Protein backbone atom coordinates (compact mmCIF):
# COMPACT_ATOMS: atom_id res chain seq x y z
CA MET A 1 11.98 2.96 8.52
CA ASP A 2 13.44 4.17 5.23
CA GLU A 3 11.84 7.03 3.34
CA ILE A 4 8.60 5.95 1.70
CA ASN A 5 8.46 6.63 -2.04
CA ASP A 6 4.86 7.81 -2.33
CA GLN A 7 5.05 8.16 -6.12
CA LEU A 8 6.12 4.52 -6.41
CA LEU A 9 3.31 3.43 -4.08
CA LYS A 10 0.74 5.42 -6.09
CA SER A 11 1.95 3.76 -9.27
CA VAL A 12 1.95 0.25 -7.77
CA ALA A 13 -1.57 0.73 -6.31
CA ALA A 14 -3.00 1.98 -9.62
CA GLN A 15 -1.42 -0.84 -11.61
CA LEU A 16 -2.45 -3.47 -9.05
CA MET A 17 -6.10 -2.47 -9.19
CA LYS A 18 -6.24 -2.28 -13.01
CA GLY A 19 -4.16 -5.11 -14.39
CA GLU A 20 -2.43 -8.44 -14.15
CA THR A 21 1.10 -7.01 -14.03
CA VAL A 22 2.87 -4.17 -12.22
CA GLU A 23 5.97 -2.51 -13.66
CA VAL A 24 8.56 -1.27 -11.15
CA THR A 25 12.03 -0.02 -12.20
CA GLY A 26 11.76 -1.81 -15.53
CA GLN A 27 10.68 -5.12 -13.98
CA ARG A 28 7.32 -6.59 -14.88
CA LEU A 29 5.85 -8.26 -11.78
CA HIS A 30 2.86 -10.58 -11.87
CA VAL A 31 -0.20 -9.76 -9.77
CA ARG A 32 -1.36 -12.79 -7.79
CA LYS A 33 -4.59 -13.44 -5.95
CA THR A 34 -4.77 -14.61 -2.35
CA GLY A 35 -6.18 -18.07 -1.78
CA ARG A 36 -9.30 -17.51 0.28
CA ASN A 37 -10.54 -14.00 -0.48
CA ARG A 38 -9.07 -13.70 -3.99
CA LEU A 39 -7.55 -10.29 -3.20
CA LYS A 40 -4.91 -8.91 -5.55
CA THR A 41 -1.33 -8.82 -4.27
CA VAL A 42 2.13 -8.13 -5.68
CA ARG A 43 5.65 -8.05 -4.20
CA PHE A 44 7.99 -5.28 -5.33
CA PRO A 45 11.32 -3.70 -4.34
CA MET A 46 11.53 -0.32 -2.61
CA ASN A 47 14.64 1.14 -0.96
CA GLY A 48 16.47 -2.18 -1.25
CA GLN A 49 13.76 -4.10 0.62
CA GLU A 50 10.90 -6.26 -0.57
CA HIS A 51 7.41 -4.88 -0.01
CA GLU A 52 3.95 -6.22 -0.74
CA ALA A 53 0.92 -4.35 -2.02
CA ILE A 54 -2.35 -5.96 -0.95
CA GLU A 55 -5.85 -5.07 -2.08
CA GLN A 56 -7.95 -4.21 0.97
CA ASN A 57 -10.40 -6.90 2.06
CA PRO A 58 -13.85 -5.24 1.92
CA GLY A 59 -15.12 -7.76 4.46
CA LYS A 60 -13.00 -6.31 7.25
CA PRO A 61 -14.78 -4.09 9.80
CA SER A 62 -11.99 -1.45 9.73
CA ARG A 63 -12.39 1.99 8.19
CA TRP A 64 -10.28 0.76 5.27
CA GLY A 65 -12.65 -2.18 4.77
CA LYS A 66 -15.59 0.22 4.85
CA LEU A 67 -13.99 2.40 2.18
CA ALA A 68 -13.37 -0.70 0.02
CA ARG A 69 -17.02 -1.74 0.44
CA GLU A 70 -18.04 1.74 -0.71
CA GLY A 71 -16.11 1.22 -3.94
CA HIS A 72 -12.88 3.07 -3.15
CA ALA A 73 -9.58 1.60 -4.38
CA VAL A 74 -7.77 0.74 -1.13
CA VAL A 75 -4.32 -0.87 -1.15
CA GLN A 76 -2.22 -1.66 1.94
CA PHE A 77 1.60 -1.75 1.78
CA ARG A 78 3.64 -4.12 3.94
CA ASN A 79 7.38 -4.47 4.48
CA ILE A 80 8.12 -8.18 4.02
CA ALA A 81 11.18 -8.26 6.32
CA SER A 82 9.52 -6.57 9.30
CA GLY A 83 5.96 -7.72 8.56
CA LYS A 84 4.74 -4.21 9.37
CA TYR A 85 2.18 -2.31 7.37
CA GLU A 86 3.84 0.97 6.41
CA ALA A 87 1.31 2.80 4.22
CA VAL A 88 -2.10 2.72 2.58
CA SER A 89 -3.37 4.14 -0.71
CA VAL A 90 -6.97 5.27 -1.07
CA ASP A 91 -8.02 6.33 -4.56
CA GLY A 92 -4.43 7.29 -5.37
CA LYS A 93 -3.71 9.23 -2.17
CA VAL A 94 -0.92 7.64 -0.12
CA LEU A 95 -0.88 7.87 3.66
CA VAL A 96 2.10 6.65 5.67
CA TYR A 97 1.53 5.00 9.03
CA GLY A 98 3.35 6.91 11.77
CA GLY A 99 2.56 6.20 15.40
CA LYS A 100 -1.13 6.38 16.16
CA LYS A 101 -2.00 8.83 13.39
CA LEU A 102 -1.69 8.76 9.64
CA LYS A 103 0.27 11.47 7.92
CA PRO A 104 0.56 12.26 4.21
CA ALA A 105 3.71 10.80 2.64
CA GLY A 106 6.58 13.16 2.05
CA ARG A 107 5.46 15.75 4.59
CA GLU A 108 6.94 16.36 8.01
CA SER A 109 4.71 17.02 10.98
CA SER A 110 4.87 20.54 12.36
CA ARG A 111 4.26 19.14 15.85
CA ARG A 112 7.33 18.20 17.85
CA ASP A 113 7.16 15.42 20.42
CA GLY A 114 9.04 16.29 23.58
């Protein structure tokens, strides 16, 4: 996985939750709504690959769904090519998925796997 640009993800998440467009590298991208749940979504480029930011469905039983139900701004980020979810933003804080645990973006773990 390429390096995650947490500043870009923060910006995309904030714009997604507040407006109808998201601006990334000078491009104005239109926010769409999913068919059934009417969740906000936008596709954007990062590190030469297309990604998608998706508003968290508050109806899901996950901890992210619970946070969304409680009124937190939760946005999931997915790599379109691989289909994998790579990060999540909660109230502007970006966490990158890495193995079984979440780790803050841009920080290396002090633990070494042997």
